[in-house]
PDB file of N, CA and C in Angstrom:
ATOM      1  N   MET A   1     113.961 -55.105-101.639  1.00  0.00           N
ATOM      2  CA  MET A   1     112.814 -54.768-102.566  1.00  0.00           C
ATOM      3  C   MET A   1     111.743 -55.564-102.078  1.00  0.00           C
ATOM      4  N   GLY A   2     111.665 -56.920-100.794  1.00  0.00           N
ATOM      5  CA  GLY A   2     111.037 -58.228-100.832  1.00  0.00           C
ATOM      6  C   GLY A   2     110.163 -57.151 -99.178  1.00  0.00           C
ATOM      7  N   LYS A   3     110.880 -56.084 -98.834  1.00  0.00           N
ATOM      8  CA  LYS A   3     109.960 -55.445 -97.198  1.00  0.00           C
ATOM      9  C   LYS A   3     109.015 -54.345 -98.455  1.00  0.00           C
ATOM     10  N   LEU A   4     109.663 -53.567 -99.772  1.00  0.00           N
ATOM     11  CA  LEU A   4     109.343 -52.295 -99.655  1.00  0.00           C
ATOM     12  C   LEU A   4     107.714 -53.061-100.744  1.00  0.00           C
ATOM     13  N   LEU A   5     108.103 -54.130-101.019  1.00  0.00           N
ATOM     14  CA  LEU A   5     106.746 -55.041-101.905  1.00  0.00           C
ATOM     15  C   LEU A   5     105.777 -55.460-100.822  1.00  0.00           C
ATOM     16  N   ASN A   6     106.029 -55.679 -99.722  1.00  0.00           N
ATOM     17  CA  ASN A   6     105.615 -55.926 -98.610  1.00  0.00           C
ATOM     18  C   ASN A   6     104.822 -54.415 -98.405  1.00  0.00           C
ATOM     19  N   ILE A   7     105.177 -53.752 -98.248  1.00  0.00           N
ATOM     20  CA  ILE A   7     104.892 -51.923 -97.588  1.00  0.00           C
ATOM     21  C   ILE A   7     103.350 -51.753 -98.143  1.00  0.00           C
ATOM     22  N   LEU A   8     103.939 -52.068 -99.888  1.00  0.00           N
ATOM     23  CA  LEU A   8     103.130 -51.330-101.050  1.00  0.00           C
ATOM     24  C   LEU A   8     101.625 -52.613-100.982  1.00  0.00           C
ATOM     25  N   THR A   9     101.845 -53.723-100.398  1.00  0.00           N
ATOM     26  CA  THR A   9     100.552 -54.467-100.847  1.00  0.00           C
ATOM     27  C   THR A   9      99.828 -53.977 -99.431  1.00  0.00           C
ATOM     28  N   LEU A  10     100.443 -53.785 -98.023  1.00  0.00           N
ATOM     29  CA  LEU A  10      99.926 -53.638 -97.134  1.00  0.00           C
ATOM     30  C   LEU A  10      99.307 -52.176 -97.433  1.00  0.00           C
ATOM     31  N   VAL A  11      99.895 -51.505 -97.974  1.00  0.00           N
ATOM     32  CA  VAL A  11      99.460 -49.508 -98.190  1.00  0.00           C
ATOM     33  C   VAL A  11      97.734 -49.748 -99.454  1.00  0.00           C
ATOM     34  N   GLY A  12      98.357 -51.146-100.154  1.00  0.00           N
ATOM     35  CA  GLY A  12      97.050 -51.078-101.828  1.00  0.00           C
ATOM     36  C   GLY A  12      96.011 -51.785-100.447  1.00  0.00           C
ATOM     37  N   LEU A  13      95.868 -52.508 -99.311  1.00  0.00           N
ATOM     38  CA  LEU A  13      95.380 -53.297 -98.680  1.00  0.00           C
ATOM     39  C   LEU A  13      94.027 -52.735 -97.913  1.00  0.00           C
ATOM     40  N   VAL A  14      94.877 -51.547 -96.775  1.00  0.00           N
ATOM     41  CA  VAL A  14      94.268 -50.805 -96.585  1.00  0.00           C
ATOM     42  C   VAL A  14      93.477 -49.475 -97.157  1.00  0.00           C
ATOM     43  N   TYR A  15      94.074 -49.015 -98.354  1.00  0.00           N
ATOM     44  CA  TYR A  15      93.513 -47.932 -99.483  1.00  0.00           C
ATOM     45  C   TYR A  15      92.140 -48.488-100.103  1.00  0.00           C
ATOM     46  N   PHE A  16      92.139 -49.621-100.032  1.00  0.00           N
ATOM     47  CA  PHE A  16      91.196 -50.746-100.929  1.00  0.00           C
ATOM     48  C   PHE A  16      90.176 -51.167 -99.958  1.00  0.00           C
ATOM     49  N   VAL A  17      90.509 -51.565 -98.690  1.00  0.00           N
ATOM     50  CA  VAL A  17      89.191 -51.781 -97.741  1.00  0.00           C
ATOM     51  C   VAL A  17      88.417 -50.331 -97.137  1.00  0.00           C
ATOM     52  N   TYR A  18      89.636 -48.995 -97.101  1.00  0.00           N
ATOM     53  CA  TYR A  18      88.479 -48.120 -97.600  1.00  0.00           C
ATOM     54  C   TYR A  18      87.840 -47.373 -98.594  1.00  0.00           C
ATOM     55  N   TRP A  19      88.069 -47.134 -99.565  1.00  0.00           N
ATOM     56  CA  TRP A  19      87.545 -47.413-100.397  1.00  0.00           C
ATOM     57  C   TRP A  19      86.349 -48.089-100.856  1.00  0.00           C
ATOM     58  N   LEU A  20      86.614 -49.528-100.495  1.00  0.00           N
ATOM     59  CA  LEU A  20      84.819 -50.476-100.485  1.00  0.00           C
ATOM     60  C   LEU A  20      84.387 -50.357 -99.131  1.00  0.00           C
ATOM     61  N   PHE A  21      84.993 -49.470 -98.083  1.00  0.00           N
ATOM     62  CA  PHE A  21      83.983 -49.126 -97.088  1.00  0.00           C
ATOM     63  C   PHE A  21      83.131 -47.732 -97.418  1.00  0.00           C
ATOM     64  N   LYS A  22      83.781 -46.992 -98.410  1.00  0.00           N
ATOM     65  CA  LYS A  22      83.378 -45.570 -98.363  1.00  0.00           C
ATOM     66  C   LYS A  22      82.356 -45.959 -99.401  1.00  0.00           C
ATOM     67  N   ARG A  23      82.544 -46.637-100.470  1.00  0.00           N
ATOM     68  CA  ARG A  23      81.591 -46.629-101.638  1.00  0.00           C
ATOM     69  C   ARG A  23      80.769 -47.088-100.857  1.00  0.00           C
ATOM     70  N   LYS A  24      80.484 -48.466-100.038  1.00  0.00           N
ATOM     71  CA  LYS A  24      79.570 -48.961 -99.240  1.00  0.00           C
ATOM     72  C   LYS A  24      78.298 -48.144 -98.963  1.00  0.00           C
ATOM     73  N   LEU A  25      79.202 -46.911 -97.884  1.00  0.00           N
ATOM     74  CA  LEU A  25      78.119 -46.389 -97.232  1.00  0.00           C
ATOM     75  C   LEU A  25      77.513 -45.115 -98.057  1.00  0.00           C
ATOM     76  N   LYS A  26      78.247 -44.802 -98.694  1.00  0.00           N
ATOM     77  CA  LYS A  26      77.782 -43.744 -99.880  1.00  0.00           C
ATOM     78  C   LYS A  26      76.271 -44.368-101.050  1.00  0.00           C
ATOM     79  N   GLN A  27      76.307 -46.201-100.930  1.00  0.00           N
ATOM     80  CA  GLN A  27      75.208 -46.412-101.927  1.00  0.00           C
ATOM     81  C   GLN A  27      73.993 -46.608-101.131  1.00  0.00           C
ATOM     82  N   ARG A  28      74.595 -47.251 -99.833  1.00  0.00           N
ATOM     83  CA  ARG A  28      73.311 -46.502 -98.490  1.00  0.00           C
ATOM     84  C   ARG A  28      72.300 -45.539 -98.668  1.00  0.00           C
ATOM     85  N   GLN A  29      73.112 -44.688 -98.420  1.00  0.00           N
ATOM     86  CA  GLN A  29      72.887 -43.037 -98.158  1.00  0.00           C
ATOM     87  C   GLN A  29      72.019 -43.128-100.110  1.00  0.00           C
ATOM     88  N   PHE A  30      72.669 -43.455-100.799  1.00  0.00           N
ATOM     89  CA  PHE A  30      72.102 -43.616-101.884  1.00  0.00           C
ATOM     90  C   PHE A  30      70.379 -44.211-101.541  1.00  0.00           C
ATOM     91  N   ALA A  31      70.665 -45.539-101.300  1.00  0.00           N
ATOM     92  CA  ALA A  31      69.488 -46.238-101.067  1.00  0.00           C
ATOM     93  C   ALA A  31      68.019 -45.262-100.409  1.00  0.00           C
ATOM     94  N   LYS A  32      68.681 -44.680 -99.223  1.00  0.00           N
ATOM     95  CA  LYS A  32      67.821 -44.330 -98.404  1.00  0.00           C
ATOM     96  C   LYS A  32      66.818 -42.849 -99.437  1.00  0.00           C
ATOM     97  N   GLN A  33      67.778 -42.574-100.132  1.00  0.00           N
ATOM     98  CA  GLN A  33      66.763 -41.782-100.999  1.00  0.00           C
ATOM     99  C   GLN A  33      66.119 -42.341-101.944  1.00  0.00           C
ATOM    100  N   GLY A  34      66.393 -43.228-102.447  1.00  0.00           N
ATOM    101  CA  GLY A  34      64.706 -44.170-103.159  1.00  0.00           C
ATOM    102  C   GLY A  34      66.093 -44.136-104.649  1.00  0.00           C
ATOM    103  N   ILE A  35      67.325 -43.732-104.800  1.00  0.00           N
ATOM    104  CA  ILE A  35      68.449 -43.496-105.966  1.00  0.00           C
ATOM    105  C   ILE A  35      69.033 -45.514-105.531  1.00  0.00           C
ATOM    106  N   ILE A  36      68.806 -45.965-106.823  1.00  0.00           N
ATOM    107  CA  ILE A  36      69.396 -47.101-107.059  1.00  0.00           C
ATOM    108  C   ILE A  36      70.787 -47.068-107.568  1.00  0.00           C
ATOM    109  N   ILE A  37      71.874 -47.430-107.496  1.00  0.00           N
ATOM    110  CA  ILE A  37      72.905 -47.513-108.357  1.00  0.00           C
ATOM    111  C   ILE A  37      73.195 -49.028-108.354  1.00  0.00           C
ATOM    112  N   GLN A  38      73.029 -49.008-110.184  1.00  0.00           N
ATOM    113  CA  GLN A  38      73.715 -50.485-110.358  1.00  0.00           C
ATOM    114  C   GLN A  38      75.012 -50.607-110.633  1.00  0.00           C
ATOM    115  N   GLN A  39      75.538 -51.656-110.600  1.00  0.00           N
ATOM    116  CA  GLN A  39      77.008 -52.532-110.347  1.00  0.00           C
ATOM    117  C   GLN A  39      77.239 -52.592-112.188  1.00  0.00           C
ATOM    118  N   GLN A  40      77.946 -51.579-112.946  1.00  0.00           N
ATOM    119  CA  GLN A  40      78.723 -51.951-113.875  1.00  0.00           C
ATOM    120  C   GLN A  40      79.744 -52.115-113.897  1.00  0.00           C
ATOM    121  N   GLY A  41      80.219 -53.618-114.731  1.00  0.00           N
ATOM    122  CA  GLY A  41      81.540 -53.265-115.065  1.00  0.00           C
ATOM    123  C   GLY A  41      81.880 -54.651-114.085  1.00  0.00           C
ATOM    124  N   MET A  42      83.432 -54.730-113.898  1.00  0.00           N
ATOM    125  CA  MET A  42      83.977 -55.535-113.023  1.00  0.00           C
ATOM    126  C   MET A  42      84.356 -55.288-111.832  1.00  0.00           C
ATOM    127  N   ARG A  43      84.064 -56.140-110.848  1.00  0.00           N
ATOM    128  CA  ARG A  43      83.662 -56.261-109.298  1.00  0.00           C
ATOM    129  C   ARG A  43      84.889 -55.637-109.025  1.00  0.00           C
ATOM    130  N   PRO A  44      84.752 -54.659-107.926  1.00  0.00           N
ATOM    131  CA  PRO A  44      85.532 -54.060-107.286  1.00  0.00           C
ATOM    132  C   PRO A  44      87.195 -55.349-106.438  1.00  0.00           C
ATOM    133  N   ILE A  45      86.668 -56.207-106.122  1.00  0.00           N
ATOM    134  CA  ILE A  45      87.721 -57.398-105.612  1.00  0.00           C
ATOM    135  C   ILE A  45      88.236 -57.932-107.193  1.00  0.00           C
ATOM    136  N   THR A  46      87.517 -58.191-107.757  1.00  0.00           N
ATOM    137  CA  THR A  46      88.180 -58.519-108.764  1.00  0.00           C
ATOM    138  C   THR A  46      89.679 -57.622-109.422  1.00  0.00           C
ATOM    139  N   LEU A  47      89.041 -56.263-109.739  1.00  0.00           N
ATOM    140  CA  LEU A  47      90.214 -54.911-109.966  1.00  0.00           C
ATOM    141  C   LEU A  47      91.204 -55.339-108.942  1.00  0.00           C
ATOM    142  N   PHE A  48      91.123 -55.607-107.780  1.00  0.00           N
ATOM    143  CA  PHE A  48      92.722 -55.487-107.097  1.00  0.00           C
ATOM    144  C   PHE A  48      92.681 -56.747-107.305  1.00  0.00           C
ATOM    145  N   SER A  49      92.236 -57.760-107.384  1.00  0.00           N
ATOM    146  CA  SER A  49      93.369 -59.327-107.438  1.00  0.00           C
ATOM    147  C   SER A  49      93.808 -58.692-109.205  1.00  0.00           C
ATOM    148  N   ILE A  50      93.724 -58.307-109.936  1.00  0.00           N
ATOM    149  CA  ILE A  50      94.043 -58.547-111.376  1.00  0.00           C
ATOM    150  C   ILE A  50      95.476 -57.613-111.037  1.00  0.00           C
ATOM    151  N   VAL A  51      95.188 -56.712-110.183  1.00  0.00           N
ATOM    152  CA  VAL A  51      96.619 -55.301-109.387  1.00  0.00           C
ATOM    153  C   VAL A  51      97.018 -56.039-108.607  1.00  0.00           C
ATOM    154  N   MET A  52      96.648 -56.689-107.767  1.00  0.00           N
ATOM    155  CA  MET A  52      98.018 -57.499-107.107  1.00  0.00           C
ATOM    156  C   MET A  52      98.784 -58.893-107.796  1.00  0.00           C
ATOM    157  N   VAL A  53      98.068 -59.242-108.341  1.00  0.00           N
ATOM    158  CA  VAL A  53      99.242 -60.466-109.414  1.00  0.00           C
ATOM    159  C   VAL A  53     100.161 -59.828-110.549  1.00  0.00           C
ATOM    160  N   SER A  54      99.632 -58.787-110.793  1.00  0.00           N
ATOM    161  CA  SER A  54     100.438 -57.961-111.778  1.00  0.00           C
ATOM    162  C   SER A  54     101.598 -57.710-110.989  1.00  0.00           C
ATOM    163  N   LEU A  55     101.439 -57.169-109.742  1.00  0.00           N
ATOM    164  CA  LEU A  55     102.371 -56.778-109.249  1.00  0.00           C
ATOM    165  C   LEU A  55     103.660 -57.600-108.968  1.00  0.00           C
ATOM    166  N   TYR A  56     102.594 -58.775-108.040  1.00  0.00           N
ATOM    167  CA  TYR A  56     103.301 -59.656-107.512  1.00  0.00           C
ATOM    168  C   TYR A  56     104.318 -60.575-109.417  1.00  0.00           C
ATOM    169  N   ALA A  57     104.026 -60.193-110.032  1.00  0.00           N
ATOM    170  CA  ALA A  57     104.162 -61.004-111.603  1.00  0.00           C
ATOM    171  C   ALA A  57     105.798 -59.926-111.682  1.00  0.00           C
ATOM    172  N   GLY A  58     105.459 -58.783-112.188  1.00  0.00           N
ATOM    173  CA  GLY A  58     106.693 -57.942-112.573  1.00  0.00           C
ATOM    174  C   GLY A  58     107.623 -58.073-111.116  1.00  0.00           C
ATOM    175  N   TYR A  59     107.166 -58.008-110.037  1.00  0.00           N
ATOM    176  CA  TYR A  59     108.228 -58.110-108.903  1.00  0.00           C
ATOM    177  C   TYR A  59     108.988 -60.109-108.924  1.00  0.00           C
ATOM    178  N   MET A  60     108.384 -60.805-109.200  1.00  0.00           N
ATOM    179  CA  MET A  60     109.332 -61.999-110.080  1.00  0.00           C
ATOM    180  C   MET A  60     109.747 -62.040-111.257  1.00  0.00           C
ATOM    181  N   LEU A  61     109.553 -61.015-112.609  1.00  0.00           N
ATOM    182  CA  LEU A  61     110.715 -60.561-113.336  1.00  0.00           C
ATOM    183  C   LEU A  61     111.554 -60.047-112.555  1.00  0.00           C
ATOM    184  N   TRP A  62     111.553 -59.039-111.972  1.00  0.00           N
ATOM    185  CA  TRP A  62     112.493 -58.070-111.672  1.00  0.00           C
ATOM    186  C   TRP A  62     113.558 -59.043-110.995  1.00  0.00           C
ATOM    187  N   TYR A  63     112.869 -59.434-110.072  1.00  0.00           N
ATOM    188  CA  TYR A  63     113.754 -60.542-109.632  1.00  0.00           C
ATOM    189  C   TYR A  63     114.955 -61.798-110.316  1.00  0.00           C
ATOM    190  N   LEU A  64     114.002 -62.152-111.147  1.00  0.00           N
ATOM    191  CA  LEU A  64     114.582 -63.019-112.360  1.00  0.00           C
ATOM    192  C   LEU A  64     115.316 -62.612-113.409  1.00  0.00           C
ATOM    193  N   PHE A  65     115.591 -61.282-113.457  1.00  0.00           N
ATOM    194  CA  PHE A  65     116.511 -60.614-114.044  1.00  0.00           C
ATOM    195  C   PHE A  65     117.785 -59.723-113.563  1.00  0.00           C
ATOM    196  N   GLN A  66     116.890 -59.491-111.987  1.00  0.00           N
ATOM    197  CA  GLN A  66     118.909 -59.097-111.275  1.00  0.00           C
ATOM    198  C   GLN A  66     119.421 -60.486-110.868  1.00  0.00           C
ATOM    199  N   ALA A  67     119.095 -61.478-110.862  1.00  0.00           N
ATOM    200  CA  ALA A  67     119.770 -62.541-110.549  1.00  0.00           C
ATOM    201  C   ALA A  67     120.793 -62.924-111.465  1.00  0.00           C
ATOM    202  N   GLU A  68     120.814 -62.575-112.873  1.00  0.00           N
ATOM    203  CA  GLU A  68     122.345 -62.633-114.001  1.00  0.00           C
ATOM    204  C   GLU A  68     123.076 -62.231-113.487  1.00  0.00           C
TER     205      GLU A  68
END
């Protein structure tokens, strides 16, 4: 399960970087057209950190209950 968690973490990180890069390019494209998009809600890194902490907490709980 530890190896699977590492792979999922890596896939999530790669997808997050791809999404962030795509989002930044789209914002620059809109800025060239004169459209300014204000950021609303939580920042993307905050959402990613919440997902990662939840994933590791779930893994710790799973490991704790499997040890019995």
